[in-house]
Amino acid sequence: MIYLLLAIICSSSLALILKQGNVKKSNTAILINANYLTASVLSLIFVFYKGSLTISLQAFLFALFLGYLFAATFFIYSKAVGLAGTALATVSARLSVLIPVLFSIILYGESPNIKMIFGFAMALVTLYLFYLSLKNHDGKPHSKGSYLILILLLFGIGLVDFSMKIFERNFPSEEKGTFVFTIFFSAFIYTLGYILYKKIKFESHTFKLGLLLGLPNVLAIQFVLAALSELEAIVVFPIQNIGVIVFTAITAYIIWKEKINNYGIAALIAGIISIILLRI
């Protein structure tokens, strides 16, 4: 159970560190670039530990594309935390599970069961509650933009997750370590190129926070895999998703007094139900 708890803490840390970056008005590009530097180093260590550096040209090109998608999604995640709040951004990120489920049904012919159908229905309810929550949040004029960012975050992370399924289906497992390293390192190069092109001023405190961000980014998946070696997936995934949402919402409230209106609370509950149904 300790690995599952560590997975929840690491996954929650992503949104919380992004929130801290928003509070400190840190430059998002530097934050994400440093994050991918840490992720690249750690993933390369894992590759050397397993002793496999092989990767095909097709997998390499696929990883380069995913590196861009990873970086873009992280920018969206940071934007979502700043505009919609930590709790709702986390629900949107976790609700992204419906994208790989939907694509698996469409592209791989997998049959949805009754739980999945109810899960999709609850996901639609959650999205509508997102809209109501943001629309009634202190009368802020950026509510529609926040809603769009949450939708983009859901689709972005969902596509990232489904892309990993595409890799599992089409490439040998021996290439996975190098594949993941290529994703992280290419994301580092893309964000570095963006920083240089925009001539963004280096911020030491932001860079250090980004280096810290990279640790839970890489370790979360390792702890999930360790938890799966001890517990059934039907236990691990629902508990992890619920734990991340609840832990993030409570911590954001304690540290930054980040409040959620009634529609937001309803969205959290509907989102949790949807995730459970889609994950089981």
C-alpha atoms as a PDB file:
ATOM      1  CA  MET A   1       0.000   0.000   0.000  1.00  0.00           C
ATOM      2  CA  ILE A   2       2.999   2.291   0.546  1.00  0.00           C
ATOM      3  CA  TYR A   3       3.716   2.397  -3.208  1.00  0.00           C
ATOM      4  CA  LEU A   4       0.129   3.419  -3.936  1.00  0.00           C
ATOM      5  CA  LEU A   5       0.379   6.217  -1.366  1.00  0.00           C
ATOM      6  CA  LEU A   6       3.663   7.417  -2.904  1.00  0.00           C
ATOM      7  CA  ALA A   7       2.062   7.334  -6.376  1.00  0.00           C
ATOM      8  CA  ILE A   8      -0.788   9.532  -5.110  1.00  0.00           C
ATOM      9  CA  ILE A   9       1.641  12.010  -3.531  1.00  0.00           C
ATOM     10  CA  CYS A  10       3.822  12.204  -6.663  1.00  0.00           C
ATOM     11  CA  SER A  11       0.862  12.629  -9.030  1.00  0.00           C
ATOM     12  CA  SER A  12      -0.649  15.294  -6.780  1.00  0.00           C
ATOM     13  CA  SER A  13       2.685  17.110  -6.586  1.00  0.00           C
ATOM     14  CA  LEU A  14       2.537  17.952 -10.293  1.00  0.00           C
ATOM     15  CA  ALA A  15      -0.524  20.170  -9.945  1.00  0.00           C
ATOM     16  CA  LEU A  16       0.628  21.589  -6.607  1.00  0.00           C
ATOM     17  CA  ILE A  17       4.060  22.584  -7.922  1.00  0.00           C
ATOM     18  CA  LEU A  18       2.438  24.136 -11.005  1.00  0.00           C
ATOM     19  CA  LYS A  19       0.161  26.066  -8.638  1.00  0.00           C
ATOM     20  CA  GLN A  20       3.174  27.301  -6.695  1.00  0.00           C
ATOM     21  CA  GLY A  21       4.715  28.435  -9.975  1.00  0.00           C
ATOM     22  CA  ASN A  22       1.539  30.389 -10.756  1.00  0.00           C
ATOM     23  CA  VAL A  23       1.491  31.949  -7.279  1.00  0.00           C
ATOM     24  CA  LYS A  24       5.124  33.058  -7.677  1.00  0.00           C
ATOM     25  CA  LYS A  25       4.351  34.247 -11.230  1.00  0.00           C
ATOM     26  CA  SER A  26       7.105  32.004 -12.552  1.00  0.00           C
ATOM     27  CA  ASN A  27       7.726  31.709 -16.281  1.00  0.00           C
ATOM     28  CA  THR A  28       5.993  28.527 -17.409  1.00  0.00           C
ATOM     29  CA  ALA A  29       8.498  27.751 -20.175  1.00  0.00           C
ATOM     30  CA  ILE A  30      11.470  27.726 -17.777  1.00  0.00           C
ATOM     31  CA  LEU A  31       9.506  25.674 -15.248  1.00  0.00           C
ATOM     32  CA  ILE A  32       8.582  23.019 -17.808  1.00  0.00           C
ATOM     33  CA  ASN A  33      12.021  23.014 -19.433  1.00  0.00           C
ATOM     34  CA  ALA A  34      13.726  22.278 -16.110  1.00  0.00           C
ATOM     35  CA  ASN A  35      11.102  19.620 -15.399  1.00  0.00           C
ATOM     36  CA  TYR A  36      12.023  17.790 -18.604  1.00  0.00           C
ATOM     37  CA  LEU A  37      15.732  18.090 -17.841  1.00  0.00           C
ATOM     38  CA  THR A  38      15.190  16.159 -14.611  1.00  0.00           C
ATOM     39  CA  ALA A  39      12.860  13.716 -16.365  1.00  0.00           C
ATOM     40  CA  SER A  40      15.455  13.125 -19.106  1.00  0.00           C
ATOM     41  CA  VAL A  41      18.263  12.420 -16.643  1.00  0.00           C
ATOM     42  CA  LEU A  42      16.167  10.063 -14.518  1.00  0.00           C
ATOM     43  CA  SER A  43      14.744   8.181 -17.503  1.00  0.00           C
ATOM     44  CA  LEU A  44      18.258   7.797 -18.940  1.00  0.00           C
ATOM     45  CA  ILE A  45      19.407   6.336 -15.612  1.00  0.00           C
ATOM     46  CA  PHE A  46      16.539   3.828 -15.804  1.00  0.00           C
ATOM     47  CA  VAL A  47      17.609   2.934 -19.367  1.00  0.00           C
ATOM     48  CA  PHE A  48      21.200   2.234 -18.293  1.00  0.00           C
ATOM     49  CA  TYR A  49      19.939   0.317 -15.252  1.00  0.00           C
ATOM     50  CA  LYS A  50      17.930  -2.009 -17.497  1.00  0.00           C
ATOM     51  CA  GLY A  51      20.780  -2.153 -20.023  1.00  0.00           C
ATOM     52  CA  SER A  52      18.750  -1.552 -23.196  1.00  0.00           C
ATOM     53  CA  LEU A  53      19.412   1.389 -25.532  1.00  0.00           C
ATOM     54  CA  THR A  54      17.686   0.006 -28.621  1.00  0.00           C
ATOM     55  CA  ILE A  55      14.996   1.926 -30.516  1.00  0.00           C
ATOM     56  CA  SER A  56      13.684   1.652 -34.076  1.00  0.00           C
ATOM     57  CA  LEU A  57      13.436   4.618 -36.436  1.00  0.00           C
ATOM     58  CA  GLN A  58       9.630   4.473 -36.347  1.00  0.00           C
ATOM     59  CA  ALA A  59       9.588   4.499 -32.525  1.00  0.00           C
ATOM     60  CA  PHE A  60      12.148   7.323 -32.487  1.00  0.00           C
ATOM     61  CA  LEU A  61      10.051   9.509 -34.805  1.00  0.00           C
ATOM     62  CA  PHE A  62       6.924   8.688 -32.803  1.00  0.00           C
ATOM     63  CA  ALA A  63       8.747   9.726 -29.613  1.00  0.00           C
ATOM     64  CA  LEU A  64       9.773  13.043 -31.195  1.00  0.00           C
ATOM     65  CA  PHE A  65       6.130  13.788 -31.954  1.00  0.00           C
ATOM     66  CA  LEU A  66       5.072  12.782 -28.441  1.00  0.00           C
ATOM     67  CA  GLY A  67       7.773  15.010 -26.956  1.00  0.00           C
ATOM     68  CA  TYR A  68       6.043  17.985 -28.543  1.00  0.00           C
ATOM     69  CA  LEU A  69       2.637  16.750 -27.339  1.00  0.00           C
ATOM     70  CA  PHE A  70       3.987  16.232 -23.799  1.00  0.00           C
ATOM     71  CA  ALA A  71       5.434  19.758 -23.668  1.00  0.00           C
ATOM     72  CA  ALA A  72       2.293  21.375 -25.114  1.00  0.00           C
ATOM     73  CA  THR A  73       0.083  19.479 -22.662  1.00  0.00           C
ATOM     74  CA  PHE A  74       2.218  20.583 -19.727  1.00  0.00           C
ATOM     75  CA  PHE A  75       1.808  24.213 -20.824  1.00  0.00           C
ATOM     76  CA  ILE A  76      -1.956  23.661 -20.937  1.00  0.00           C
ATOM     77  CA  TYR A  77      -1.887  21.998 -17.497  1.00  0.00           C
ATOM     78  CA  SER A  78      -0.085  24.984 -16.011  1.00  0.00           C
ATOM     79  CA  LYS A  79      -2.553  27.357 -17.669  1.00  0.00           C
ATOM     80  CA  ALA A  80      -5.502  25.319 -16.372  1.00  0.00           C
ATOM     81  CA  VAL A  81      -4.196  25.423 -12.802  1.00  0.00           C
ATOM     82  CA  GLY A  82      -3.831  29.191 -13.020  1.00  0.00           C
ATOM     83  CA  LEU A  83      -7.241  29.876 -14.579  1.00  0.00           C
ATOM     84  CA  ALA A  84      -9.536  27.173 -13.217  1.00  0.00           C
ATOM     85  CA  GLY A  85      -7.849  26.263  -9.949  1.00  0.00           C
ATOM     86  CA  THR A  86      -5.865  23.245  -8.823  1.00  0.00           C
ATOM     87  CA  ALA A  87      -8.825  20.985  -7.987  1.00  0.00           C
ATOM     88  CA  LEU A  88     -10.751  21.384 -11.253  1.00  0.00           C
ATOM     89  CA  ALA A  89      -7.557  21.129 -13.330  1.00  0.00           C
ATOM     90  CA  THR A  90      -6.722  17.872 -11.551  1.00  0.00           C
ATOM     91  CA  VAL A  91     -10.210  16.452 -12.180  1.00  0.00           C
ATOM     92  CA  SER A  92      -9.880  17.349 -15.861  1.00  0.00           C
ATOM     93  CA  ALA A  93      -6.453  15.721 -16.044  1.00  0.00           C
ATOM     94  CA  ARG A  94      -7.740  12.529 -14.377  1.00  0.00           C
ATOM     95  CA  LEU A  95     -10.933  12.477 -16.442  1.00  0.00           C
ATOM     96  CA  SER A  96      -8.753  12.235 -19.554  1.00  0.00           C
ATOM     97  CA  VAL A  97      -8.991   8.454 -19.114  1.00  0.00           C
ATOM     98  CA  LEU A  98     -12.153   8.603 -21.238  1.00  0.00           C
ATOM     99  CA  ILE A  99     -10.072   9.482 -24.356  1.00  0.00           C
ATOM    100  CA  PRO A 100      -8.003   6.245 -24.516  1.00  0.00           C
ATOM    101  CA  VAL A 101     -11.124   4.265 -23.591  1.00  0.00           C
ATOM    102  CA  LEU A 102     -13.107   5.923 -26.408  1.00  0.00           C
ATOM    103  CA  PHE A 103     -10.322   5.541 -28.980  1.00  0.00           C
ATOM    104  CA  SER A 104      -9.799   1.909 -27.991  1.00  0.00           C
ATOM    105  CA  ILE A 105     -13.470   1.253 -28.699  1.00  0.00           C
ATOM    106  CA  ILE A 106     -13.337   3.066 -32.070  1.00  0.00           C
ATOM    107  CA  LEU A 107      -9.930   1.939 -33.371  1.00  0.00           C
ATOM    108  CA  TYR A 108      -9.374  -1.432 -31.721  1.00  0.00           C
ATOM    109  CA  GLY A 109     -12.938  -2.673 -31.630  1.00  0.00           C
ATOM    110  CA  GLU A 110     -13.074  -3.046 -27.871  1.00  0.00           C
ATOM    111  CA  SER A 111     -16.648  -3.379 -26.592  1.00  0.00           C
ATOM    112  CA  PRO A 112     -17.869  -0.947 -23.915  1.00  0.00           C
ATOM    113  CA  ASN A 113     -19.627  -2.509 -20.943  1.00  0.00           C
ATOM    114  CA  ILE A 114     -22.470  -0.948 -18.984  1.00  0.00           C
ATOM    115  CA  LYS A 115     -20.041   0.632 -16.493  1.00  0.00           C
ATOM    116  CA  MET A 116     -18.174   2.401 -19.299  1.00  0.00           C
ATOM    117  CA  ILE A 117     -21.422   3.742 -20.758  1.00  0.00           C
ATOM    118  CA  PHE A 118     -22.402   5.196 -17.385  1.00  0.00           C
ATOM    119  CA  GLY A 119     -18.822   6.479 -17.035  1.00  0.00           C
ATOM    120  CA  PHE A 120     -19.110   8.380 -20.331  1.00  0.00           C
ATOM    121  CA  ALA A 121     -22.451   9.813 -19.227  1.00  0.00           C
ATOM    122  CA  MET A 122     -20.981  11.013 -15.933  1.00  0.00           C
ATOM    123  CA  ALA A 123     -18.028  12.517 -17.838  1.00  0.00           C
ATOM    124  CA  LEU A 124     -20.444  14.649 -19.860  1.00  0.00           C
ATOM    125  CA  VAL A 125     -22.175  15.699 -16.640  1.00  0.00           C
ATOM    126  CA  THR A 126     -18.777  16.608 -15.172  1.00  0.00           C
ATOM    127  CA  LEU A 127     -17.893  18.764 -18.176  1.00  0.00           C
ATOM    128  CA  TYR A 128     -21.192  20.642 -17.871  1.00  0.00           C
ATOM    129  CA  LEU A 129     -20.579  21.163 -14.141  1.00  0.00           C
ATOM    130  CA  PHE A 130     -17.095  22.481 -15.033  1.00  0.00           C
ATOM    131  CA  TYR A 131     -18.801  25.122 -17.148  1.00  0.00           C
ATOM    132  CA  LEU A 132     -21.280  26.074 -14.421  1.00  0.00           C
ATOM    133  CA  SER A 133     -18.528  26.199 -11.795  1.00  0.00           C
ATOM    134  CA  LEU A 134     -16.319  28.512 -13.835  1.00  0.00           C
ATOM    135  CA  LYS A 135     -19.260  30.624 -15.010  1.00  0.00           C
ATOM    136  CA  ASN A 136     -20.255  31.300 -11.392  1.00  0.00           C
ATOM    137  CA  HIS A 137     -16.752  31.688  -9.962  1.00  0.00           C
ATOM    138  CA  ASP A 138     -16.569  35.243  -8.579  1.00  0.00           C
ATOM    139  CA  GLY A 139     -17.897  36.595 -11.875  1.00  0.00           C
ATOM    140  CA  LYS A 140     -14.466  36.409 -13.512  1.00  0.00           C
ATOM    141  CA  PRO A 141     -14.535  37.324 -17.217  1.00  0.00           C
ATOM    142  CA  HIS A 142     -12.143  34.520 -18.213  1.00  0.00           C
ATOM    143  CA  SER A 143     -14.545  31.696 -17.291  1.00  0.00           C
ATOM    144  CA  LYS A 144     -15.172  30.603 -20.919  1.00  0.00           C
ATOM    145  CA  GLY A 145     -11.459  30.555 -21.625  1.00  0.00           C
ATOM    146  CA  SER A 146     -10.897  28.490 -18.492  1.00  0.00           C
ATOM    147  CA  TYR A 147     -13.506  25.988 -19.644  1.00  0.00           C
ATOM    148  CA  LEU A 148     -11.789  25.638 -23.028  1.00  0.00           C
ATOM    149  CA  ILE A 149      -8.414  25.120 -21.320  1.00  0.00           C
ATOM    150  CA  LEU A 150      -9.902  22.307 -19.185  1.00  0.00           C
ATOM    151  CA  ILE A 151     -11.267  20.608 -22.315  1.00  0.00           C
ATOM    152  CA  LEU A 152      -7.894  20.935 -24.078  1.00  0.00           C
ATOM    153  CA  LEU A 153      -6.158  19.509 -21.001  1.00  0.00           C
ATOM    154  CA  LEU A 154      -8.519  16.532 -20.963  1.00  0.00           C
ATOM    155  CA  PHE A 155      -7.902  15.794 -24.639  1.00  0.00           C
ATOM    156  CA  GLY A 156      -4.154  16.467 -24.431  1.00  0.00           C
ATOM    157  CA  ILE A 157      -3.471  14.079 -21.562  1.00  0.00           C
ATOM    158  CA  GLY A 158      -5.927  11.587 -23.046  1.00  0.00           C
ATOM    159  CA  LEU A 159      -4.000  11.569 -26.331  1.00  0.00           C
ATOM    160  CA  VAL A 160      -0.733  11.139 -24.437  1.00  0.00           C
ATOM    161  CA  ASP A 161      -2.163   8.109 -22.611  1.00  0.00           C
ATOM    162  CA  PHE A 162      -3.567   6.608 -25.798  1.00  0.00           C
ATOM    163  CA  SER A 163      -0.240   7.149 -27.573  1.00  0.00           C
ATOM    164  CA  MET A 164       1.414   4.940 -24.973  1.00  0.00           C
ATOM    165  CA  LYS A 165      -1.149   2.241 -25.799  1.00  0.00           C
ATOM    166  CA  ILE A 166      -0.254   2.622 -29.478  1.00  0.00           C
ATOM    167  CA  PHE A 167       3.385   2.037 -28.526  1.00  0.00           C
ATOM    168  CA  GLU A 168       2.483  -1.068 -26.494  1.00  0.00           C
ATOM    169  CA  ARG A 169       0.540  -2.459 -29.466  1.00  0.00           C
ATOM    170  CA  ASN A 170       3.114  -1.778 -32.193  1.00  0.00           C
ATOM    171  CA  PHE A 171       6.613  -1.789 -30.693  1.00  0.00           C
ATOM    172  CA  PRO A 172       8.652  -4.299 -28.640  1.00  0.00           C
ATOM    173  CA  SER A 173       8.841  -3.719 -24.870  1.00  0.00           C
ATOM    174  CA  GLU A 174      12.681  -3.680 -25.074  1.00  0.00           C
ATOM    175  CA  GLU A 175      12.443  -0.237 -26.702  1.00  0.00           C
ATOM    176  CA  LYS A 176      10.240   1.310 -24.031  1.00  0.00           C
ATOM    177  CA  GLY A 177      13.008   2.750 -21.826  1.00  0.00           C
ATOM    178  CA  THR A 178      14.757   4.500 -24.713  1.00  0.00           C
ATOM    179  CA  PHE A 179      11.369   5.535 -26.126  1.00  0.00           C
ATOM    180  CA  VAL A 180      10.414   7.283 -22.877  1.00  0.00           C
ATOM    181  CA  PHE A 181      13.841   8.955 -22.623  1.00  0.00           C
ATOM    182  CA  THR A 182      13.484  10.236 -26.203  1.00  0.00           C
ATOM    183  CA  ILE A 183      10.078  11.721 -25.363  1.00  0.00           C
ATOM    184  CA  PHE A 184      11.402  13.574 -22.310  1.00  0.00           C
ATOM    185  CA  PHE A 185      14.630  14.728 -23.964  1.00  0.00           C
ATOM    186  CA  SER A 186      12.885  15.962 -27.117  1.00  0.00           C
ATOM    187  CA  ALA A 187      10.393  17.845 -24.904  1.00  0.00           C
ATOM    188  CA  PHE A 188      13.406  19.416 -23.152  1.00  0.00           C
ATOM    189  CA  ILE A 189      14.879  20.461 -26.526  1.00  0.00           C
ATOM    190  CA  TYR A 190      11.555  21.864 -27.773  1.00  0.00           C
ATOM    191  CA  THR A 191      11.028  23.979 -24.656  1.00  0.00           C
ATOM    192  CA  LEU A 192      14.668  25.111 -24.690  1.00  0.00           C
ATOM    193  CA  GLY A 193      14.255  26.196 -28.315  1.00  0.00           C
ATOM    194  CA  TYR A 194      11.117  28.122 -27.358  1.00  0.00           C
ATOM    195  CA  ILE A 195      12.965  29.877 -24.512  1.00  0.00           C
ATOM    196  CA  LEU A 196      15.856  30.866 -26.792  1.00  0.00           C
ATOM    197  CA  TYR A 197      13.533  31.977 -29.612  1.00  0.00           C
ATOM    198  CA  LYS A 198      11.452  34.148 -27.279  1.00  0.00           C
ATOM    199  CA  LYS A 199      14.596  35.350 -25.468  1.00  0.00           C
ATOM    200  CA  ILE A 200      13.023  34.531 -22.110  1.00  0.00           C
ATOM    201  CA  LYS A 201      15.071  35.710 -19.166  1.00  0.00           C
ATOM    202  CA  PHE A 202      16.498  32.929 -16.989  1.00  0.00           C
ATOM    203  CA  GLU A 203      14.904  32.676 -13.550  1.00  0.00           C
ATOM    204  CA  SER A 204      16.952  30.713 -11.046  1.00  0.00           C
ATOM    205  CA  HIS A 205      14.108  30.076  -8.583  1.00  0.00           C
ATOM    206  CA  THR A 206      11.787  28.946 -11.389  1.00  0.00           C
ATOM    207  CA  PHE A 207      14.440  26.621 -12.808  1.00  0.00           C
ATOM    208  CA  LYS A 208      14.976  25.019  -9.387  1.00  0.00           C
ATOM    209  CA  LEU A 209      11.222  24.569  -8.942  1.00  0.00           C
ATOM    210  CA  GLY A 210      11.102  22.957 -12.393  1.00  0.00           C
ATOM    211  CA  LEU A 211      13.901  20.552 -11.488  1.00  0.00           C
ATOM    212  CA  LEU A 212      11.824  19.552  -8.480  1.00  0.00           C
ATOM    213  CA  LEU A 213       8.747  19.152 -10.688  1.00  0.00           C
ATOM    214  CA  GLY A 214      10.573  16.567 -12.785  1.00  0.00           C
ATOM    215  CA  LEU A 215      10.996  14.181  -9.847  1.00  0.00           C
ATOM    216  CA  PRO A 216       7.311  13.342  -9.255  1.00  0.00           C
ATOM    217  CA  ASN A 217       6.723  13.477 -13.011  1.00  0.00           C
ATOM    218  CA  VAL A 218       8.995  10.446 -13.514  1.00  0.00           C
ATOM    219  CA  LEU A 219       8.572   8.683 -10.174  1.00  0.00           C
ATOM    220  CA  ALA A 220       4.744   8.621 -10.276  1.00  0.00           C
ATOM    221  CA  ILE A 221       4.660   5.960 -12.999  1.00  0.00           C
ATOM    222  CA  GLN A 222       7.364   3.917 -11.252  1.00  0.00           C
ATOM    223  CA  PHE A 223       5.342   3.853  -8.023  1.00  0.00           C
ATOM    224  CA  VAL A 224       2.161   2.944  -9.930  1.00  0.00           C
ATOM    225  CA  LEU A 225       3.961  -0.004 -11.535  1.00  0.00           C
ATOM    226  CA  ALA A 226       5.289  -1.045  -8.108  1.00  0.00           C
ATOM    227  CA  ALA A 227       1.767  -0.803  -6.649  1.00  0.00           C
ATOM    228  CA  LEU A 228       0.418  -2.964  -9.491  1.00  0.00           C
ATOM    229  CA  SER A 229       2.929  -5.666  -8.563  1.00  0.00           C
ATOM    230  CA  GLU A 230       1.313  -5.872  -5.105  1.00  0.00           C
ATOM    231  CA  LEU A 231      -2.360  -5.015  -5.745  1.00  0.00           C
ATOM    232  CA  GLU A 232      -4.966  -5.636  -8.444  1.00  0.00           C
ATOM    233  CA  ALA A 233      -5.414  -2.950 -11.102  1.00  0.00           C
ATOM    234  CA  ILE A 234      -9.087  -2.706 -10.133  1.00  0.00           C
ATOM    235  CA  VAL A 235      -7.879  -1.466  -6.725  1.00  0.00           C
ATOM    236  CA  VAL A 236      -4.860   0.624  -7.765  1.00  0.00           C
ATOM    237  CA  PHE A 237      -6.318   2.853 -10.486  1.00  0.00           C
ATOM    238  CA  PRO A 238      -9.577   3.983  -8.824  1.00  0.00           C
ATOM    239  CA  ILE A 239      -7.852   4.618  -5.481  1.00  0.00           C
ATOM    240  CA  GLN A 240      -4.997   6.490  -7.158  1.00  0.00           C
ATOM    241  CA  ASN A 241      -7.309   8.764  -9.137  1.00  0.00           C
ATOM    242  CA  ILE A 242      -9.609   9.499  -6.209  1.00  0.00           C
ATOM    243  CA  GLY A 243      -6.635   9.985  -3.905  1.00  0.00           C
ATOM    244  CA  VAL A 244      -4.987  12.481  -6.261  1.00  0.00           C
ATOM    245  CA  ILE A 245      -8.171  14.548  -6.655  1.00  0.00           C
ATOM    246  CA  VAL A 246      -8.961  14.645  -2.940  1.00  0.00           C
ATOM    247  CA  PHE A 247      -5.352  15.166  -1.798  1.00  0.00           C
ATOM    248  CA  THR A 248      -4.812  17.975  -4.337  1.00  0.00           C
ATOM    249  CA  ALA A 249      -8.055  19.769  -3.471  1.00  0.00           C
ATOM    250  CA  ILE A 250      -7.424  19.602   0.297  1.00  0.00           C
ATOM    251  CA  THR A 251      -3.769  20.649   0.025  1.00  0.00           C
ATOM    252  CA  ALA A 252      -4.584  23.575  -2.285  1.00  0.00           C
ATOM    253  CA  TYR A 253      -7.198  24.753   0.206  1.00  0.00           C
ATOM    254  CA  ILE A 254      -4.808  24.454   3.179  1.00  0.00           C
ATOM    255  CA  ILE A 255      -1.866  26.202   1.503  1.00  0.00           C
ATOM    256  CA  TRP A 256      -3.520  28.789  -0.751  1.00  0.00           C
ATOM    257  CA  LYS A 257      -7.096  28.863   0.637  1.00  0.00           C
ATOM    258  CA  GLU A 258      -8.262  27.836  -2.816  1.00  0.00           C
ATOM    259  CA  LYS A 259     -12.034  27.489  -2.519  1.00  0.00           C
ATOM    260  CA  ILE A 260     -14.445  25.546  -4.731  1.00  0.00           C
ATOM    261  CA  ASN A 261     -18.049  26.634  -5.263  1.00  0.00           C
ATOM    262  CA  ASN A 262     -20.985  24.210  -5.108  1.00  0.00           C
ATOM    263  CA  TYR A 263     -20.860  23.494  -8.840  1.00  0.00           C
ATOM    264  CA  GLY A 264     -17.157  22.751  -8.515  1.00  0.00           C
ATOM    265  CA  ILE A 265     -17.788  20.326  -5.654  1.00  0.00           C
ATOM    266  CA  ALA A 266     -20.467  18.628  -7.754  1.00  0.00           C
ATOM    267  CA  ALA A 267     -17.974  18.418 -10.644  1.00  0.00           C
ATOM    268  CA  LEU A 268     -15.420  16.768  -8.356  1.00  0.00           C
ATOM    269  CA  ILE A 269     -17.963  14.167  -7.215  1.00  0.00           C
ATOM    270  CA  ALA A 270     -19.253  13.487 -10.748  1.00  0.00           C
ATOM    271  CA  GLY A 271     -15.693  13.300 -12.047  1.00  0.00           C
ATOM    272  CA  ILE A 272     -14.684  10.785  -9.373  1.00  0.00           C
ATOM    273  CA  ILE A 273     -17.695   8.582 -10.197  1.00  0.00           C
ATOM    274  CA  SER A 274     -16.896   8.779 -13.919  1.00  0.00           C
ATOM    275  CA  ILE A 275     -13.236   7.894 -13.376  1.00  0.00           C
ATOM    276  CA  ILE A 276     -14.138   4.912 -11.183  1.00  0.00           C
ATOM    277  CA  LEU A 277     -16.551   3.555 -13.785  1.00  0.00           C
ATOM    278  CA  LEU A 278     -14.062   4.041 -16.650  1.00  0.00           C
ATOM    279  CA  ARG A 279     -11.123   2.618 -14.711  1.00  0.00           C
ATOM    280  CA  ILE A 280     -12.791  -0.533 -13.351  1.00  0.00           C
END
